[in-house]
């Protein structure tokens, strides 16, 4: 059986309109995500900043790189 270091890992693309905190948490819980690219989509800069303030720590706690 493989270990976590020898399996394929995913890169997520996410923005506030499609991936809320609960969805991102569920996506990274199994350890299959290596990084996540965040972009604002159709929200304002202030809304995107708020989103990032909540999402970035959540992802980094799971050892997911955030761009």
C-alpha atoms as a PDB file:
ATOM      1  CA  UNK A   1       0.000   0.000   0.000  1.00  0.00           C
ATOM      2  CA  UNK A   2       1.327   3.477  -0.895  1.00  0.00           C
ATOM      3  CA  UNK A   3       2.253   6.165   1.533  1.00  0.00           C
ATOM      4  CA  UNK A   4       1.195   9.777   1.454  1.00  0.00           C
ATOM      5  CA  UNK A   5       4.505  10.835  -0.114  1.00  0.00           C
ATOM      6  CA  UNK A   6       4.289   8.563  -3.161  1.00  0.00           C
ATOM      7  CA  UNK A   7       0.813   9.355  -4.426  1.00  0.00           C
ATOM      8  CA  UNK A   8      -0.439  11.961  -6.851  1.00  0.00           C
ATOM      9  CA  UNK A   9      -1.585  15.223  -5.315  1.00  0.00           C
ATOM     10  CA  UNK A  10      -3.934  17.838  -6.698  1.00  0.00           C
ATOM     11  CA  UNK A  11      -3.761  21.557  -7.386  1.00  0.00           C
ATOM     12  CA  UNK A  12      -7.052  23.352  -6.700  1.00  0.00           C
ATOM     13  CA  UNK A  13      -8.253  26.569  -8.301  1.00  0.00           C
ATOM     14  CA  UNK A  14     -10.782  28.318  -6.093  1.00  0.00           C
ATOM     15  CA  UNK A  15     -12.664  31.566  -5.753  1.00  0.00           C
ATOM     16  CA  UNK A  16     -15.356  32.747  -3.342  1.00  0.00           C
ATOM     17  CA  UNK A  17     -18.196  32.088  -5.786  1.00  0.00           C
ATOM     18  CA  UNK A  18     -17.527  28.340  -6.027  1.00  0.00           C
ATOM     19  CA  UNK A  19     -15.502  27.238  -3.003  1.00  0.00           C
ATOM     20  CA  UNK A  20     -16.463  28.282   0.473  1.00  0.00           C
ATOM     21  CA  UNK A  21     -14.581  27.398   3.625  1.00  0.00           C
ATOM     22  CA  UNK A  22     -16.523  24.159   4.168  1.00  0.00           C
ATOM     23  CA  UNK A  23     -15.912  22.988   0.594  1.00  0.00           C
ATOM     24  CA  UNK A  24     -12.189  23.698   0.797  1.00  0.00           C
ATOM     25  CA  UNK A  25     -11.930  21.963   4.164  1.00  0.00           C
ATOM     26  CA  UNK A  26     -13.597  18.866   2.726  1.00  0.00           C
ATOM     27  CA  UNK A  27     -11.293  18.957  -0.299  1.00  0.00           C
ATOM     28  CA  UNK A  28      -8.079  19.039   1.737  1.00  0.00           C
ATOM     29  CA  UNK A  29      -9.093  16.690   4.565  1.00  0.00           C
ATOM     30  CA  UNK A  30      -7.820  13.553   2.832  1.00  0.00           C
ATOM     31  CA  UNK A  31      -4.385  15.013   2.077  1.00  0.00           C
ATOM     32  CA  UNK A  32      -4.649  14.749  -1.703  1.00  0.00           C
ATOM     33  CA  UNK A  33      -4.195  18.509  -2.271  1.00  0.00           C
ATOM     34  CA  UNK A  34      -0.697  19.966  -2.589  1.00  0.00           C
ATOM     35  CA  UNK A  35      -1.562  23.551  -3.471  1.00  0.00           C
ATOM     36  CA  UNK A  36      -4.441  25.923  -4.060  1.00  0.00           C
ATOM     37  CA  UNK A  37      -4.576  28.903  -6.389  1.00  0.00           C
ATOM     38  CA  UNK A  38      -7.005  31.524  -5.106  1.00  0.00           C
ATOM     39  CA  UNK A  39      -8.460  34.164  -7.395  1.00  0.00           C
ATOM     40  CA  UNK A  40     -11.213  36.733  -6.856  1.00  0.00           C
ATOM     41  CA  UNK A  41     -13.696  35.673  -9.514  1.00  0.00           C
ATOM     42  CA  UNK A  42     -16.507  38.233  -9.631  1.00  0.00           C
ATOM     43  CA  UNK A  43     -16.231  39.573  -6.053  1.00  0.00           C
ATOM     44  CA  UNK A  44     -14.853  42.899  -4.906  1.00  0.00           C
ATOM     45  CA  UNK A  45     -11.319  43.309  -3.627  1.00  0.00           C
ATOM     46  CA  UNK A  46     -12.601  43.691  -0.061  1.00  0.00           C
ATOM     47  CA  UNK A  47     -14.668  40.488  -0.319  1.00  0.00           C
ATOM     48  CA  UNK A  48     -11.683  38.615  -1.734  1.00  0.00           C
ATOM     49  CA  UNK A  49      -9.445  39.896   1.079  1.00  0.00           C
ATOM     50  CA  UNK A  50     -11.985  38.661   3.639  1.00  0.00           C
ATOM     51  CA  UNK A  51     -12.184  35.293   1.889  1.00  0.00           C
ATOM     52  CA  UNK A  52      -8.394  34.958   1.904  1.00  0.00           C
ATOM     53  CA  UNK A  53      -8.186  35.896   5.596  1.00  0.00           C
ATOM     54  CA  UNK A  54     -10.344  32.867   6.398  1.00  0.00           C
ATOM     55  CA  UNK A  55      -9.196  30.385   3.772  1.00  0.00           C
ATOM     56  CA  UNK A  56      -5.402  30.793   3.731  1.00  0.00           C
ATOM     57  CA  UNK A  57      -4.812  29.710   7.373  1.00  0.00           C
ATOM     58  CA  UNK A  58      -7.168  26.765   6.915  1.00  0.00           C
ATOM     59  CA  UNK A  59      -5.216  25.558   3.884  1.00  0.00           C
ATOM     60  CA  UNK A  60      -1.792  26.171   5.410  1.00  0.00           C
ATOM     61  CA  UNK A  61      -2.738  24.156   8.517  1.00  0.00           C
ATOM     62  CA  UNK A  62      -3.190  21.202   6.155  1.00  0.00           C
ATOM     63  CA  UNK A  63       0.275  21.812   4.558  1.00  0.00           C
ATOM     64  CA  UNK A  64      -1.322  23.122   1.358  1.00  0.00           C
ATOM     65  CA  UNK A  65       0.669  25.802  -0.471  1.00  0.00           C
ATOM     66  CA  UNK A  66      -1.457  28.837  -1.321  1.00  0.00           C
ATOM     67  CA  UNK A  67      -0.960  31.091  -4.327  1.00  0.00           C
END
